[in-house]
Amino acid sequence: GSSPSASGGAGARPRVGELSRAVAGARTGRCGVRAVVELGTGAVRLPRPEAPAAPVEAPGAAEEVAARIAAALPEGLVRTVGSRRMGCALPGADLDLVAVLPGPADAAGVRARVAAALPGARRLREVTGARVPGLRLHAYGLDVDLVLVGAGALDPGLAVARRAELGEAAAVALSALDDADAVRESVGASHAAFASLAREAKAWARARGLDSAPFGGLPGLAWAVLAARTVREAVRDAADLSPAGLRREFFGTWAAWDWSEPVSLLPADGAGRSPSPDPVTVLTPRAPVRSCTAQVGPGMRDLLVRELYRAWEVLEADPDGLGRLTAPPPLHRRHAAWAVVTVRAGAAGEFEERLGRARGRLRALLAGLPDAHAWPRPFERTATLARYAVGLGPTPPDAAALAALAAPWAAGLPGVEVGWAASGEVPDLP
């Protein structure tokens, strides 16, 4: 007595989606998922490999690392910047530090002193190719970025206020201190509401793959500016400052935003500004005022708008639907093929150097792939290897076309290769 559609008989059309899958398994002492086959399309993909448990940040770890580095550089000034200075860091966020030192910045010398101060540090390397020198390391369970600014003959304690005297690169690096302070000042007594909203926005951006500047996304400062602007205007308009109210306001405002208009921290800051030539322009709040989103291309802007609209629609239907907001996107339905960027080396130290160079130059590869979405986290990682997936859109280039485009980019990057993969050959992404 069952109808064909209910029983799965002749004429039934299987629904394609998260709930209508055929799972192919194999028994090797236990039953496990070996591949996922979508009914109706026959698309096959590998399941996401089990990720290692995320490290738990020990209380006081960031403060301890910053204090040890400051003690190793007593002649200088070491300050925390970024999300931790703004008070809106996600658990396990990078620790971003700026060190102002008298004379020129000696990265090799600082590296030796930091290594002595943090003997348990791993993956300690100098950052090359950036505006100013720096170090990157892992200590106390945290990834640490240390930017080095040489103050020349200027007292390091005066360098932030007089940064324009040190040249553009140093001024930009030192403005991170004032940028973070300006964000906090802009929300005043509503800092707790801002911090909650900024964390939610960044967690959403991370889940949807929109949060990494080296991969063409928006950096943490941009999300903080958007959140601070939302809170400030809600306070001005006596709007709902509850988490659910601010969440709806955030996604509703930025989903409808005309992205040819620059976004500044305060509405008056953008008054009279001409439309930006860049796809997305979020301005830093303090001098030298500049875009922190110049790396965002047209494809990422379009994806950003679609994701913001999706989030707004979710919240219109369910104001408390935060869990649905941070669900992973259906990447295997968006991308018919992938570019797999592999970085490898024979030793861990050499690998970290190569990985840093590849990440720093990834935007040049993406410039030739207009429909690409580079996922910011590797789907495979060891001490000497990392593989990143770059979605190539619904009409991707074939293997030969990708090879021709990627060869010049990879030529100057030892240990880096780019391969073409069909949709199902890349697992669900972390």
Protein backbone atom coordinates (compact mmCIF):
# COMPACT_ATOMS: atom_id res chain seq x y z
CA GLY A 1 0.00 0.00 0.00
CA SER A 2 3.00 2.35 0.07
CA SER A 3 3.45 4.84 -2.74
CA PRO A 4 6.54 4.51 -4.95
CA SER A 5 7.98 7.74 -3.60
CA ALA A 6 7.64 6.52 -0.05
CA SER A 7 8.97 3.03 -0.65
CA GLY A 8 11.77 3.89 -3.05
CA GLY A 9 10.14 1.86 -5.84
CA ALA A 10 10.03 2.58 -9.56
CA GLY A 11 9.76 6.23 -10.43
CA ALA A 12 11.13 7.45 -7.11
CA ARG A 13 13.58 10.34 -7.33
CA PRO A 14 16.19 10.20 -4.59
CA ARG A 15 16.85 13.46 -2.86
CA VAL A 16 20.41 14.70 -2.95
CA GLY A 17 21.73 16.23 0.24
CA GLU A 18 23.18 15.64 3.61
CA LEU A 19 20.47 13.15 4.60
CA SER A 20 20.30 11.12 1.39
CA ARG A 21 23.62 9.41 0.95
CA ALA A 22 24.77 5.91 0.29
CA VAL A 23 27.75 5.08 2.43
CA ALA A 24 30.27 2.58 1.14
CA GLY A 25 32.04 0.84 3.98
CA ALA A 26 34.66 -1.82 4.41
CA ARG A 27 35.18 -4.11 7.36
CA THR A 28 38.73 -4.42 8.59
CA GLY A 29 38.06 -5.70 12.07
CA ARG A 30 35.54 -2.88 12.47
CA CYS A 31 33.11 -1.05 10.23
CA GLY A 32 34.23 2.33 8.97
CA VAL A 33 33.24 4.85 6.32
CA ARG A 34 35.60 4.62 3.37
CA ALA A 35 33.75 6.90 0.95
CA VAL A 36 30.52 8.88 0.62
CA VAL A 37 28.37 8.55 -2.52
CA GLU A 38 25.61 11.11 -3.09
CA LEU A 39 22.42 9.55 -4.41
CA GLY A 40 21.19 10.99 -7.66
CA THR A 41 24.57 12.34 -8.77
CA GLY A 42 26.93 9.47 -8.07
CA ALA A 43 29.49 11.95 -6.74
CA VAL A 44 32.05 10.23 -4.56
CA ARG A 45 34.20 11.87 -1.95
CA LEU A 46 36.42 10.84 0.90
CA PRO A 47 35.27 11.50 4.46
CA ARG A 48 37.08 14.03 6.56
CA PRO A 49 40.03 12.42 8.35
CA GLU A 50 39.91 12.53 12.11
CA ALA A 51 41.56 15.74 13.20
CA PRO A 52 43.74 15.78 16.29
CA ALA A 53 42.12 17.33 19.32
CA ALA A 54 42.56 21.08 19.38
CA PRO A 55 45.12 22.11 21.99
CA VAL A 56 43.63 23.68 25.09
CA GLU A 57 45.17 27.04 25.89
CA ALA A 58 46.56 27.01 29.39
CA PRO A 59 45.46 29.95 31.56
CA GLY A 60 48.04 32.70 31.41
CA ALA A 61 49.96 31.13 28.51
CA ALA A 62 49.82 34.23 26.31
CA GLU A 63 50.90 36.49 29.16
CA GLU A 64 53.79 34.17 30.02
CA VAL A 65 55.09 34.05 26.45
CA ALA A 66 54.83 37.83 26.07
CA ALA A 67 56.60 38.38 29.40
CA ARG A 68 59.46 36.02 28.51
CA ILE A 69 60.01 37.68 25.14
CA ALA A 70 59.90 41.14 26.74
CA ALA A 71 62.47 40.04 29.33
CA ALA A 72 64.72 38.78 26.52
CA LEU A 73 64.57 42.21 24.84
CA PRO A 74 64.96 44.59 27.82
CA GLU A 75 66.25 47.48 25.71
CA GLY A 76 63.08 47.46 23.61
CA LEU A 77 59.33 47.73 23.93
CA VAL A 78 57.20 44.58 23.47
CA ARG A 79 53.43 44.93 23.20
CA THR A 80 50.52 42.63 22.39
CA VAL A 81 48.42 43.62 19.37
CA GLY A 82 45.58 42.08 17.38
CA SER A 83 42.54 40.33 18.78
CA ARG A 84 44.08 39.75 22.19
CA ARG A 85 44.66 43.47 22.63
CA MET A 86 41.11 44.17 21.46
CA GLY A 87 39.75 41.59 23.91
CA CYS A 88 37.93 39.53 21.28
CA ALA A 89 40.30 36.61 20.66
CA LEU A 90 38.92 33.17 19.95
CA PRO A 91 40.26 30.31 22.08
CA GLY A 92 43.70 29.31 20.85
CA ALA A 93 44.11 32.43 18.70
CA ASP A 94 47.58 33.45 17.60
CA LEU A 95 49.52 35.68 19.95
CA ASP A 96 50.52 38.76 17.94
CA LEU A 97 53.37 40.85 19.34
CA VAL A 98 55.28 43.92 18.18
CA ALA A 99 58.80 44.57 19.46
CA VAL A 100 60.33 48.03 18.99
CA LEU A 101 64.11 47.93 19.32
CA PRO A 102 66.77 50.65 19.24
CA GLY A 103 68.83 50.81 16.08
CA PRO A 104 68.09 48.42 13.21
CA ALA A 105 66.00 45.30 13.78
CA ASP A 106 68.37 42.32 13.94
CA ALA A 107 66.12 39.33 13.29
CA ALA A 108 68.90 36.75 13.67
CA GLY A 109 70.02 38.20 16.99
CA VAL A 110 66.46 38.40 18.30
CA ARG A 111 65.85 34.82 17.19
CA ALA A 112 68.77 33.61 19.30
CA ARG A 113 67.56 35.51 22.36
CA VAL A 114 63.97 34.33 21.97
CA ALA A 115 65.17 30.73 21.61
CA ALA A 116 67.07 31.08 24.89
CA ALA A 117 64.07 32.65 26.63
CA LEU A 118 61.67 29.97 25.37
CA PRO A 119 63.74 26.76 25.24
CA GLY A 120 60.63 24.69 24.58
CA ALA A 121 59.60 26.72 21.53
CA ARG A 122 59.08 24.84 18.28
CA ARG A 123 58.96 25.88 14.64
CA LEU A 124 60.98 29.03 15.37
CA ARG A 125 61.83 30.77 12.10
CA GLU A 126 62.47 34.18 10.66
CA VAL A 127 59.71 35.65 8.50
CA THR A 128 61.01 36.77 5.13
CA GLY A 129 59.38 38.85 2.44
CA ALA A 130 57.23 40.91 4.82
CA ARG A 131 57.33 44.71 5.12
CA VAL A 132 59.37 44.44 8.30
CA PRO A 133 61.32 41.49 9.73
CA GLY A 134 59.77 39.15 12.24
CA LEU A 135 59.71 35.74 13.85
CA ARG A 136 57.13 32.99 13.99
CA LEU A 137 57.14 30.26 16.60
CA HIS A 138 55.01 27.90 18.65
CA ALA A 139 55.27 28.03 22.44
CA TYR A 140 53.04 27.13 25.39
CA GLY A 141 50.49 25.72 22.94
CA LEU A 142 50.22 28.99 21.00
CA ASP A 143 51.32 30.14 17.57
CA VAL A 144 53.21 33.40 18.05
CA ASP A 145 53.90 36.15 15.51
CA LEU A 146 56.57 38.64 16.60
CA VAL A 147 57.01 41.70 14.37
CA LEU A 148 60.31 43.57 14.75
CA VAL A 149 60.61 47.32 14.22
CA GLY A 150 63.92 49.15 14.38
CA ALA A 151 63.53 52.57 15.98
CA GLY A 152 66.91 53.86 14.82
CA ALA A 153 68.04 56.71 17.08
CA LEU A 154 64.50 57.22 18.41
CA ASP A 155 63.64 56.09 21.93
CA PRO A 156 61.54 52.89 21.50
CA GLY A 157 59.04 54.29 23.99
CA LEU A 158 58.31 57.18 21.61
CA ALA A 159 58.21 55.13 18.43
CA VAL A 160 54.46 54.49 18.34
CA ALA A 161 53.53 58.16 18.68
CA ARG A 162 56.25 59.25 16.22
CA ARG A 163 56.02 56.29 13.86
CA ALA A 164 55.71 58.48 10.76
CA GLU A 165 59.40 59.36 11.23
CA LEU A 166 60.40 55.70 10.79
CA GLY A 167 59.08 55.18 7.27
CA GLU A 168 55.91 53.64 5.89
CA ALA A 169 56.69 49.99 6.66
CA ALA A 170 57.50 50.67 10.31
CA ALA A 171 54.54 53.04 10.64
CA VAL A 172 52.15 50.39 9.36
CA ALA A 173 53.57 47.77 11.75
CA LEU A 174 53.33 50.11 14.74
CA SER A 175 49.82 51.25 13.85
CA ALA A 176 48.60 47.81 14.97
CA LEU A 177 48.81 49.10 18.55
CA ASP A 178 46.68 52.17 17.89
CA ASP A 179 44.29 50.26 15.61
CA ALA A 180 43.45 47.83 18.41
CA ASP A 181 43.04 50.64 20.92
CA ALA A 182 40.81 52.59 18.52
CA VAL A 183 38.49 49.60 18.14
CA ARG A 184 38.14 49.29 21.91
CA GLU A 185 37.60 53.03 22.34
CA SER A 186 34.92 53.11 19.64
CA VAL A 187 32.61 50.77 21.56
CA GLY A 188 33.22 52.34 24.97
CA ALA A 189 31.13 50.79 27.71
CA SER A 190 29.69 48.26 25.24
CA HIS A 191 32.94 46.34 24.96
CA ALA A 192 31.45 43.10 26.28
CA ALA A 193 28.75 43.18 23.59
CA PHE A 194 31.39 43.94 20.95
CA ALA A 195 33.70 41.15 22.10
CA SER A 196 30.89 38.59 21.99
CA LEU A 197 29.77 39.69 18.52
CA ALA A 198 33.31 39.83 17.14
CA ARG A 199 34.04 36.31 18.39
CA GLU A 200 30.84 35.01 16.81
CA ALA A 201 31.60 36.74 13.51
CA LYS A 202 35.13 35.37 13.43
CA ALA A 203 33.99 31.86 14.36
CA TRP A 204 31.44 32.03 11.52
CA ALA A 205 34.06 33.32 9.08
CA ARG A 206 36.44 30.56 10.10
CA ALA A 207 33.81 27.85 9.65
CA ARG A 208 32.95 29.18 6.19
CA GLY A 209 36.59 29.64 5.08
CA LEU A 210 36.52 33.46 4.86
CA ASP A 211 38.95 34.36 7.61
CA SER A 212 42.52 34.21 6.27
CA ALA A 213 44.19 37.13 4.52
CA PRO A 214 46.95 35.01 2.91
CA PHE A 215 44.18 32.92 1.32
CA GLY A 216 42.28 35.94 0.00
CA GLY A 217 39.92 36.36 2.96
CA LEU A 218 39.35 39.10 5.51
CA PRO A 219 41.80 39.46 8.41
CA GLY A 220 40.81 39.62 12.05
CA LEU A 221 41.02 43.42 12.14
CA ALA A 222 38.41 43.68 9.37
CA TRP A 223 35.94 41.48 11.26
CA ALA A 224 36.59 43.52 14.41
CA VAL A 225 35.91 46.79 12.55
CA LEU A 226 32.65 45.39 11.15
CA ALA A 227 31.58 44.19 14.60
CA ALA A 228 32.55 47.47 16.30
CA ARG A 229 30.69 49.50 13.69
CA THR A 230 27.59 47.32 14.21
CA VAL A 231 27.68 47.76 18.00
CA ARG A 232 28.36 51.49 17.86
CA GLU A 233 25.42 52.10 15.54
CA ALA A 234 23.15 49.88 17.61
CA VAL A 235 24.01 51.95 20.70
CA ARG A 236 23.39 55.17 18.78
CA ASP A 237 19.99 53.94 17.60
CA ALA A 238 19.05 52.44 20.99
CA ALA A 239 18.66 49.10 19.22
CA ASP A 240 18.65 45.61 20.69
CA LEU A 241 22.07 44.92 22.21
CA SER A 242 21.35 41.31 23.11
CA PRO A 243 23.60 38.72 21.44
CA ALA A 244 20.75 37.61 19.16
CA GLY A 245 19.84 41.20 18.28
CA LEU A 246 23.40 42.20 17.43
CA ARG A 247 23.90 39.00 15.47
CA ARG A 248 20.90 39.78 13.24
CA GLU A 249 22.02 43.39 12.88
CA PHE A 250 25.55 42.37 11.90
CA PHE A 251 24.56 39.97 9.16
CA GLY A 252 21.65 42.08 7.94
CA THR A 253 23.79 45.21 7.66
CA TRP A 254 26.74 43.67 5.87
CA ALA A 255 24.67 41.41 3.62
CA ALA A 256 23.01 44.53 2.22
CA TRP A 257 26.17 46.65 2.12
CA ASP A 258 27.30 48.18 -1.17
CA TRP A 259 30.87 46.89 -1.18
CA SER A 260 32.00 49.56 -3.61
CA GLU A 261 31.81 51.85 -0.57
CA PRO A 262 34.70 51.75 1.90
CA VAL A 263 33.86 50.61 5.42
CA SER A 264 35.39 52.61 8.24
CA LEU A 265 35.07 52.23 11.96
CA LEU A 266 32.93 55.31 12.40
CA PRO A 267 30.25 56.33 9.89
CA ALA A 268 31.65 59.85 9.65
CA ASP A 269 35.06 58.51 8.66
CA GLY A 270 33.71 57.31 5.33
CA ALA A 271 31.70 60.42 4.54
CA GLY A 272 32.68 61.89 1.21
CA ARG A 273 35.04 59.08 0.30
CA SER A 274 34.95 58.06 -3.33
CA PRO A 275 34.02 54.47 -4.17
CA SER A 276 36.90 52.07 -3.76
CA PRO A 277 38.49 50.46 -6.82
CA ASP A 278 38.95 47.26 -4.80
CA PRO A 279 36.20 44.64 -4.46
CA VAL A 280 36.15 45.06 -0.66
CA THR A 281 37.64 47.92 1.35
CA VAL A 282 37.67 47.89 5.14
CA LEU A 283 39.79 50.75 6.45
CA THR A 284 42.08 50.66 9.44
CA PRO A 285 40.98 53.09 12.14
CA ARG A 286 44.25 54.93 12.79
CA ALA A 287 47.02 56.50 10.72
CA PRO A 288 48.31 55.52 8.32
CA VAL A 289 44.71 54.77 7.32
CA ARG A 290 44.70 52.05 4.68
CA SER A 291 42.67 49.12 3.45
CA CYS A 292 43.26 45.88 5.31
CA THR A 293 41.33 43.95 2.64
CA ALA A 294 43.28 44.71 -0.54
CA GLN A 295 43.87 40.96 -0.97
CA VAL A 296 40.14 40.23 -1.41
CA GLY A 297 39.36 39.61 -5.08
CA PRO A 298 36.04 39.76 -6.94
CA GLY A 299 35.38 36.04 -6.47
CA MET A 300 35.90 36.20 -2.71
CA ARG A 301 33.72 39.32 -2.52
CA ASP A 302 30.90 37.50 -4.29
CA LEU A 303 31.31 34.52 -1.98
CA LEU A 304 31.33 36.83 1.04
CA VAL A 305 28.04 38.41 -0.05
CA ARG A 306 26.41 35.02 -0.61
CA GLU A 307 27.57 33.78 2.77
CA LEU A 308 26.37 36.93 4.54
CA TYR A 309 22.95 36.60 2.90
CA ARG A 310 22.75 32.94 3.87
CA ALA A 311 23.57 33.79 7.48
CA TRP A 312 21.02 36.60 7.53
CA GLU A 313 18.31 34.28 6.17
CA VAL A 314 19.19 31.64 8.78
CA LEU A 315 18.84 34.19 11.58
CA GLU A 316 15.60 35.61 10.20
CA ALA A 317 14.13 32.12 10.47
CA ASP A 318 15.80 31.32 13.80
CA PRO A 319 17.36 34.26 15.69
CA ASP A 320 19.23 31.84 17.94
CA GLY A 321 20.49 29.67 15.07
CA LEU A 322 24.19 30.15 15.77
CA GLY A 323 24.86 26.45 15.30
CA ARG A 324 23.53 26.53 11.74
CA LEU A 325 25.65 29.59 10.97
CA THR A 326 28.86 27.76 11.73
CA ALA A 327 28.02 24.58 9.83
CA PRO A 328 30.67 23.78 7.19
CA PRO A 329 29.80 24.89 3.65
CA PRO A 330 28.90 22.32 0.95
CA LEU A 331 32.26 22.68 -0.77
CA HIS A 332 32.01 19.48 -2.80
CA ARG A 333 28.80 20.73 -4.38
CA ARG A 334 30.34 24.12 -5.15
CA HIS A 335 33.55 22.87 -6.75
CA ALA A 336 33.78 20.33 -9.54
CA ALA A 337 37.56 20.05 -9.12
CA TRP A 338 40.38 21.20 -6.89
CA ALA A 339 43.91 22.48 -7.09
CA VAL A 340 45.90 20.72 -4.38
CA VAL A 341 48.89 22.74 -3.20
CA THR A 342 51.49 20.50 -1.58
CA VAL A 343 54.43 21.80 0.44
CA ARG A 344 57.09 19.32 1.54
CA ALA A 345 60.66 19.22 2.82
CA GLY A 346 63.10 16.75 4.28
CA ALA A 347 63.35 18.39 7.70
CA ALA A 348 60.93 20.26 9.93
CA GLY A 349 62.88 23.53 9.97
CA GLU A 350 63.19 23.62 6.20
CA PHE A 351 59.51 22.76 5.87
CA GLU A 352 58.41 25.71 8.01
CA GLU A 353 60.46 28.06 5.83
CA ARG A 354 58.95 26.66 2.65
CA LEU A 355 55.43 26.73 4.05
CA GLY A 356 55.80 30.37 5.03
CA ARG A 357 56.98 31.34 1.55
CA ALA A 358 54.18 29.40 -0.14
CA ARG A 359 51.48 30.95 2.05
CA GLY A 360 52.93 34.39 1.47
CA ARG A 361 52.70 34.00 -2.30
CA LEU A 362 49.42 32.12 -2.55
CA ARG A 363 47.43 35.20 -3.56
CA ALA A 364 49.48 35.40 -6.77
CA LEU A 365 48.24 31.92 -7.71
CA LEU A 366 44.63 32.79 -6.84
CA ALA A 367 44.76 35.88 -9.07
CA GLY A 368 44.69 33.59 -12.10
CA LEU A 369 41.77 31.52 -10.78
CA PRO A 370 38.76 33.86 -10.61
CA ASP A 371 36.30 31.27 -9.20
CA ALA A 372 38.75 29.81 -6.70
CA HIS A 373 38.18 29.47 -2.97
CA ALA A 374 41.36 28.52 -1.14
CA TRP A 375 40.54 26.72 2.10
CA PRO A 376 42.75 28.25 4.81
CA ARG A 377 43.58 25.06 6.70
CA PRO A 378 45.42 22.01 5.34
CA PHE A 379 43.53 18.75 4.95
CA GLU A 380 46.77 16.86 5.55
CA ARG A 381 49.61 17.99 7.78
CA THR A 382 52.74 16.39 9.21
CA ALA A 383 56.00 17.85 10.48
CA THR A 384 57.35 17.97 6.92
CA LEU A 385 54.28 18.10 4.65
CA ALA A 386 51.08 20.09 4.19
CA ARG A 387 48.35 19.86 1.57
CA TYR A 388 45.87 22.67 0.92
CA ALA A 389 42.74 22.46 -1.23
CA VAL A 390 41.74 25.27 -3.57
CA GLY A 391 38.22 24.87 -4.92
CA LEU A 392 38.09 25.72 -8.63
CA GLY A 393 34.37 26.44 -8.97
CA PRO A 394 31.61 24.74 -10.98
CA THR A 395 33.45 25.05 -14.33
CA PRO A 396 37.08 24.43 -13.40
CA PRO A 397 40.10 24.44 -15.70
CA ASP A 398 41.28 20.99 -16.71
CA ALA A 399 44.52 19.49 -15.45
CA ALA A 400 46.59 20.81 -18.36
CA ALA A 401 45.29 24.36 -18.02
CA LEU A 402 45.91 24.35 -14.27
CA ALA A 403 49.44 23.03 -14.76
CA ALA A 404 50.23 25.78 -17.27
CA LEU A 405 48.93 28.45 -14.90
CA ALA A 406 50.60 27.07 -11.77
CA ALA A 407 54.02 26.19 -13.19
CA PRO A 408 55.44 29.75 -13.23
CA TRP A 409 54.08 30.36 -9.72
CA ALA A 410 55.61 27.20 -8.25
CA ALA A 411 58.91 27.55 -10.12
CA GLY A 412 60.38 29.85 -7.48
CA LEU A 413 59.11 27.81 -4.54
CA PRO A 414 61.25 24.73 -3.84
CA GLY A 415 59.26 21.81 -2.47
CA VAL A 416 55.93 23.22 -3.65
CA GLU A 417 53.75 21.60 -6.30
CA VAL A 418 50.21 22.11 -7.56
CA GLY A 419 48.10 19.18 -8.75
CA TRP A 420 44.59 18.84 -10.17
CA ALA A 421 42.10 16.64 -8.32
CA ALA A 422 38.53 15.64 -9.07
CA SER A 423 35.93 16.67 -6.52
CA GLY A 424 35.77 13.34 -4.69
CA GLU A 425 39.54 13.02 -4.38
CA VAL A 426 39.71 15.69 -1.68
CA PRO A 427 38.25 14.84 1.74
CA ASP A 428 35.85 17.04 3.66
CA LEU A 429 37.91 20.00 4.81
CA PRO A 430 38.70 20.87 8.43
